[in-house]
């Protein structure tokens, strides 16, 4: 399955759809870098992401680090297995990461 990344304006961030793996994680990384460079909160709608591997997770962690002291990374509606991955690596415990259910 292909990864699709589209920008959102309200809230500012990205809507992801598909699977994030080593073959396409760089695309996500570039999109996240562009958003985090602006500072402020960045919202990711993950409701249509079926799979996220360690390369995708690495880009999310980098984005959270880039926003430290300057904004939050808000992760909306991750699938249960992806939410569990966030818990395993303690991403949900970072001060500037918020994981929400529902719509962005």
C-alpha atoms as a PDB file:
ATOM      1  CA  UNK A   1       0.000   0.000   0.000  1.00  0.00           C
ATOM      2  CA  UNK A   2       1.224   3.450  -0.873  1.00  0.00           C
ATOM      3  CA  UNK A   3       1.650   6.354   1.536  1.00  0.00           C
ATOM      4  CA  UNK A   4      -0.250   9.539   0.816  1.00  0.00           C
ATOM      5  CA  UNK A   5       0.619  12.739   2.674  1.00  0.00           C
ATOM      6  CA  UNK A   6      -1.513  15.860   2.390  1.00  0.00           C
ATOM      7  CA  UNK A   7      -1.235  19.165   4.220  1.00  0.00           C
ATOM      8  CA  UNK A   8      -4.050  20.406   6.405  1.00  0.00           C
ATOM      9  CA  UNK A   9      -4.690  23.999   7.412  1.00  0.00           C
ATOM     10  CA  UNK A  10      -7.148  23.740  10.290  1.00  0.00           C
ATOM     11  CA  UNK A  11      -5.531  22.323  12.276  1.00  0.00           C
ATOM     12  CA  UNK A  12      -2.129  22.884  10.685  1.00  0.00           C
ATOM     13  CA  UNK A  13      -0.372  19.661   9.942  1.00  0.00           C
ATOM     14  CA  UNK A  14      -0.583  16.551   7.799  1.00  0.00           C
ATOM     15  CA  UNK A  15      -3.117  13.862   6.952  1.00  0.00           C
ATOM     16  CA  UNK A  16      -1.522  10.472   6.301  1.00  0.00           C
ATOM     17  CA  UNK A  17      -3.085   7.535   4.528  1.00  0.00           C
ATOM     18  CA  UNK A  18      -1.690   4.079   3.777  1.00  0.00           C
ATOM     19  CA  UNK A  19       1.388   2.401   5.183  1.00  0.00           C
ATOM     20  CA  UNK A  20       4.598   4.015   6.418  1.00  0.00           C
ATOM     21  CA  UNK A  21       7.668   1.852   5.887  1.00  0.00           C
ATOM     22  CA  UNK A  22      11.287   2.060   4.777  1.00  0.00           C
ATOM     23  CA  UNK A  23      10.257   2.490   1.148  1.00  0.00           C
ATOM     24  CA  UNK A  24       8.385   5.749   1.757  1.00  0.00           C
ATOM     25  CA  UNK A  25       9.316   7.096   5.203  1.00  0.00           C
ATOM     26  CA  UNK A  26      11.646   9.707   3.677  1.00  0.00           C
ATOM     27  CA  UNK A  27       8.588  11.313   2.066  1.00  0.00           C
ATOM     28  CA  UNK A  28       7.012  11.619   5.512  1.00  0.00           C
ATOM     29  CA  UNK A  29      10.291  12.931   6.926  1.00  0.00           C
ATOM     30  CA  UNK A  30      10.469  15.740   4.361  1.00  0.00           C
ATOM     31  CA  UNK A  31       6.869  16.749   4.975  1.00  0.00           C
ATOM     32  CA  UNK A  32       7.378  16.740   8.750  1.00  0.00           C
ATOM     33  CA  UNK A  33      10.602  18.734   8.501  1.00  0.00           C
ATOM     34  CA  UNK A  34       8.820  21.427   6.503  1.00  0.00           C
ATOM     35  CA  UNK A  35       6.028  21.663   9.078  1.00  0.00           C
ATOM     36  CA  UNK A  36       8.221  21.581  12.186  1.00  0.00           C
ATOM     37  CA  UNK A  37      10.554  24.255  10.764  1.00  0.00           C
ATOM     38  CA  UNK A  38       7.657  26.704  11.031  1.00  0.00           C
ATOM     39  CA  UNK A  39       7.284  26.011  14.769  1.00  0.00           C
ATOM     40  CA  UNK A  40       4.019  25.823  16.660  1.00  0.00           C
ATOM     41  CA  UNK A  41       1.762  22.815  16.989  1.00  0.00           C
ATOM     42  CA  UNK A  42       1.738  20.224  14.207  1.00  0.00           C
ATOM     43  CA  UNK A  43      -1.209  17.838  13.989  1.00  0.00           C
ATOM     44  CA  UNK A  44      -0.963  14.468  12.239  1.00  0.00           C
ATOM     45  CA  UNK A  45      -4.198  12.721  11.311  1.00  0.00           C
ATOM     46  CA  UNK A  46      -3.230   9.046  11.523  1.00  0.00           C
ATOM     47  CA  UNK A  47      -6.742   7.608  11.253  1.00  0.00           C
ATOM     48  CA  UNK A  48      -6.044   6.094   7.818  1.00  0.00           C
ATOM     49  CA  UNK A  49      -2.566   4.724   8.548  1.00  0.00           C
ATOM     50  CA  UNK A  50      -2.669   0.923   8.535  1.00  0.00           C
ATOM     51  CA  UNK A  51       1.007   0.290   9.329  1.00  0.00           C
ATOM     52  CA  UNK A  52       3.953   2.241  10.739  1.00  0.00           C
ATOM     53  CA  UNK A  53       7.440   0.709  10.997  1.00  0.00           C
ATOM     54  CA  UNK A  54      10.519   1.881  12.859  1.00  0.00           C
ATOM     55  CA  UNK A  55      11.599   4.232  10.052  1.00  0.00           C
ATOM     56  CA  UNK A  56       8.295   6.073  10.249  1.00  0.00           C
ATOM     57  CA  UNK A  57       8.497   6.108  14.028  1.00  0.00           C
ATOM     58  CA  UNK A  58      11.970   7.635  13.800  1.00  0.00           C
ATOM     59  CA  UNK A  59      10.591  10.553  11.769  1.00  0.00           C
ATOM     60  CA  UNK A  60       7.848  11.148  14.338  1.00  0.00           C
ATOM     61  CA  UNK A  61      10.413  11.210  17.145  1.00  0.00           C
ATOM     62  CA  UNK A  62      12.580  13.642  15.175  1.00  0.00           C
ATOM     63  CA  UNK A  63       9.568  15.881  14.641  1.00  0.00           C
ATOM     64  CA  UNK A  64       8.788  15.864  18.373  1.00  0.00           C
ATOM     65  CA  UNK A  65      12.397  16.773  19.153  1.00  0.00           C
ATOM     66  CA  UNK A  66      12.354  19.573  16.579  1.00  0.00           C
ATOM     67  CA  UNK A  67       9.263  21.042  18.246  1.00  0.00           C
ATOM     68  CA  UNK A  68      10.615  20.922  21.815  1.00  0.00           C
ATOM     69  CA  UNK A  69      10.050  24.279  23.461  1.00  0.00           C
ATOM     70  CA  UNK A  70       8.306  25.562  20.362  1.00  0.00           C
ATOM     71  CA  UNK A  71       5.199  23.441  19.844  1.00  0.00           C
ATOM     72  CA  UNK A  72       3.483  20.102  20.206  1.00  0.00           C
ATOM     73  CA  UNK A  73       3.239  17.087  17.945  1.00  0.00           C
ATOM     74  CA  UNK A  74      -0.413  16.057  18.087  1.00  0.00           C
ATOM     75  CA  UNK A  75      -1.116  12.531  16.842  1.00  0.00           C
ATOM     76  CA  UNK A  76      -4.793  11.970  16.106  1.00  0.00           C
ATOM     77  CA  UNK A  77      -6.605   8.632  15.911  1.00  0.00           C
ATOM     78  CA  UNK A  78      -3.775   6.127  15.493  1.00  0.00           C
ATOM     79  CA  UNK A  79      -4.881   2.515  14.999  1.00  0.00           C
ATOM     80  CA  UNK A  80      -4.582   0.383  18.135  1.00  0.00           C
ATOM     81  CA  UNK A  81      -1.379  -1.403  17.030  1.00  0.00           C
ATOM     82  CA  UNK A  82       0.270   1.941  16.202  1.00  0.00           C
ATOM     83  CA  UNK A  83      -0.822   3.423  19.530  1.00  0.00           C
ATOM     84  CA  UNK A  84       0.747   0.401  21.238  1.00  0.00           C
ATOM     85  CA  UNK A  85       4.016   1.070  19.381  1.00  0.00           C
ATOM     86  CA  UNK A  86       3.959   4.668  20.664  1.00  0.00           C
ATOM     87  CA  UNK A  87       3.514   3.344  24.207  1.00  0.00           C
ATOM     88  CA  UNK A  88       6.347   0.822  23.856  1.00  0.00           C
ATOM     89  CA  UNK A  89       8.859   3.512  22.875  1.00  0.00           C
ATOM     90  CA  UNK A  90       7.374   5.981  25.402  1.00  0.00           C
ATOM     91  CA  UNK A  91       6.456   8.483  22.693  1.00  0.00           C
ATOM     92  CA  UNK A  92       3.206   9.065  24.578  1.00  0.00           C
ATOM     93  CA  UNK A  93       5.234  10.255  27.594  1.00  0.00           C
ATOM     94  CA  UNK A  94       7.101  13.061  25.837  1.00  0.00           C
ATOM     95  CA  UNK A  95       6.029  16.420  27.236  1.00  0.00           C
ATOM     96  CA  UNK A  96       5.265  17.877  23.812  1.00  0.00           C
ATOM     97  CA  UNK A  97       3.492  14.865  22.272  1.00  0.00           C
ATOM     98  CA  UNK A  98      -0.255  14.479  22.578  1.00  0.00           C
ATOM     99  CA  UNK A  99      -2.155  11.429  21.347  1.00  0.00           C
ATOM    100  CA  UNK A 100      -5.870  11.988  20.762  1.00  0.00           C
ATOM    101  CA  UNK A 101      -8.832   9.984  19.607  1.00  0.00           C
ATOM    102  CA  UNK A 102     -11.433  11.483  17.307  1.00  0.00           C
ATOM    103  CA  UNK A 103     -11.127  14.058  14.575  1.00  0.00           C
ATOM    104  CA  UNK A 104      -8.253  16.534  14.329  1.00  0.00           C
END
